[in-house]
Amino acid sequence: MKVKISYTEDSEQVPRLINELLSKCRKKLLRYSDLEFNLNQASKFVKEVRETIDGLELVSSQLDDCVNLSIGYVELQAAIKNQEEQSLSTPETLDEEEASPDDERMVTTDETD
């Protein structure tokens, strides 16, 4: 039986998680590639083929997980970069002369008598 597991991890760990999952998939694929037919053990062969099919379905799901994790990670990195670029290009305060009536940012001034 297959179950989908979700848990929280630090974003910097995502590449490591993807590589670990890929490594597990690689090992399973190598193991499944050793399948051989033996006429004298046909029932054993049928059992092994069915187990291989089940295992390949799991590998397929895990590879999909790797794709989804990598897409999410790339999107997160792009969002972080975009946020950093916006914060660098947006001035924190405006002079009264620079503010337009349509500007939604708050302009503060100190008035002293």
Protein backbone atom coordinates (compact mmCIF):
# COMPACT_ATOMS: atom_id res chain seq x y z
CA MET A 1 0.00 0.00 0.00
CA LYS A 2 1.26 3.45 -0.90
CA VAL A 3 0.78 6.55 1.22
CA LYS A 4 1.57 10.19 0.49
CA ILE A 5 3.60 11.74 3.31
CA SER A 6 3.89 15.46 3.92
CA TYR A 7 6.18 17.15 6.41
CA THR A 8 7.88 20.47 6.98
CA GLU A 9 11.55 21.02 6.19
CA ASP A 10 13.82 24.02 5.87
CA SER A 11 13.85 25.27 2.27
CA GLU A 12 17.63 24.86 2.00
CA GLN A 13 17.16 21.11 2.55
CA VAL A 14 14.91 20.61 -0.50
CA PRO A 15 17.76 19.92 -2.99
CA ARG A 16 19.18 17.31 -0.59
CA LEU A 17 15.75 15.69 -0.22
CA ILE A 18 15.31 15.54 -3.99
CA ASN A 19 18.75 13.96 -4.43
CA GLU A 20 18.06 11.38 -1.71
CA LEU A 21 14.77 10.41 -3.33
CA LEU A 22 16.43 10.20 -6.74
CA SER A 23 19.14 7.98 -5.29
CA LYS A 24 16.53 5.61 -3.86
CA CYS A 25 14.75 5.48 -7.22
CA ARG A 26 18.02 4.78 -9.01
CA LYS A 27 18.81 1.85 -6.67
CA LYS A 28 15.34 0.38 -7.17
CA LEU A 29 15.64 0.64 -10.95
CA LEU A 30 18.98 -1.14 -10.86
CA ARG A 31 17.51 -3.90 -8.72
CA TYR A 32 14.54 -4.31 -11.08
CA SER A 33 16.87 -4.50 -14.08
CA ASP A 34 18.27 -7.84 -12.83
CA LEU A 35 15.04 -9.67 -13.64
CA GLU A 36 15.64 -12.89 -15.62
CA PHE A 37 13.35 -15.59 -16.96
CA ASN A 38 13.97 -19.18 -15.90
CA LEU A 39 11.76 -21.79 -17.60
CA ASN A 40 12.07 -24.11 -14.60
CA GLN A 41 10.85 -21.41 -12.21
CA ALA A 42 8.05 -19.76 -14.20
CA SER A 43 5.82 -19.11 -11.18
CA LYS A 44 8.70 -17.38 -9.38
CA PHE A 45 9.29 -15.29 -12.50
CA VAL A 46 5.62 -14.25 -12.67
CA LYS A 47 5.73 -13.23 -9.00
CA GLU A 48 8.92 -11.22 -9.55
CA VAL A 49 7.46 -9.50 -12.61
CA ARG A 50 4.36 -8.47 -10.65
CA GLU A 51 6.52 -7.18 -7.79
CA THR A 52 8.63 -5.29 -10.33
CA ILE A 53 5.53 -3.68 -11.83
CA ASP A 54 4.38 -2.58 -8.37
CA GLY A 55 7.85 -1.28 -7.60
CA LEU A 56 8.04 0.63 -10.87
CA GLU A 57 4.70 2.27 -10.13
CA LEU A 58 6.13 3.45 -6.81
CA VAL A 59 9.30 4.71 -8.52
CA SER A 60 7.12 6.57 -11.02
CA SER A 61 5.21 8.26 -8.19
CA GLN A 62 8.43 9.14 -6.40
CA LEU A 63 9.90 10.63 -9.58
CA ASP A 64 6.73 12.73 -9.90
CA ASP A 65 7.35 13.84 -6.32
CA CYS A 66 10.87 14.88 -7.30
CA VAL A 67 9.48 16.93 -10.17
CA ASN A 68 6.90 18.61 -7.93
CA LEU A 69 9.47 19.33 -5.23
CA SER A 70 11.89 20.82 -7.76
CA ILE A 71 9.20 22.99 -9.36
CA GLY A 72 8.12 24.26 -5.95
CA TYR A 73 11.72 24.94 -4.96
CA VAL A 74 12.49 26.84 -8.19
CA GLU A 75 9.30 28.89 -7.80
CA LEU A 76 10.22 29.70 -4.19
CA GLN A 77 13.71 30.79 -5.18
CA ALA A 78 12.28 33.00 -7.96
CA ALA A 79 9.80 34.57 -5.52
CA ILE A 80 12.58 35.26 -3.00
CA LYS A 81 14.75 36.83 -5.71
CA ASN A 82 11.83 38.91 -6.98
CA GLN A 83 11.04 40.09 -3.46
CA GLU A 84 14.68 41.04 -2.86
CA GLU A 85 14.85 42.94 -6.15
CA GLN A 86 11.65 44.81 -5.34
CA SER A 87 12.86 45.77 -1.90
CA LEU A 88 16.11 47.10 -3.39
CA SER A 89 14.37 49.14 -6.08
CA THR A 90 11.59 50.59 -3.88
CA PRO A 91 12.60 53.66 -1.87
CA GLU A 92 11.47 53.54 1.73
CA THR A 93 10.44 57.20 1.98
CA LEU A 94 9.46 59.91 -0.46
CA ASP A 95 9.94 63.62 -0.28
CA GLU A 96 6.71 65.61 -0.48
CA GLU A 97 7.72 66.90 -3.91
CA GLU A 98 8.14 63.34 -5.27
CA ALA A 99 4.75 62.09 -4.04
CA SER A 100 1.88 62.21 -6.48
CA PRO A 101 -1.77 62.43 -5.40
CA ASP A 102 -2.31 58.89 -6.73
CA ASP A 103 0.62 57.48 -4.74
CA GLU A 104 -0.67 55.06 -2.10
CA ARG A 105 2.52 55.11 -0.05
CA MET A 106 2.45 57.16 3.13
CA VAL A 107 4.57 60.28 3.21
CA THR A 108 5.50 61.60 6.63
CA THR A 109 6.84 65.04 7.40
CA ASP A 110 8.06 66.66 10.57
CA GLU A 111 6.47 70.02 11.21
CA THR A 112 8.00 72.15 13.89
CA ASP A 113 7.05 75.72 14.81
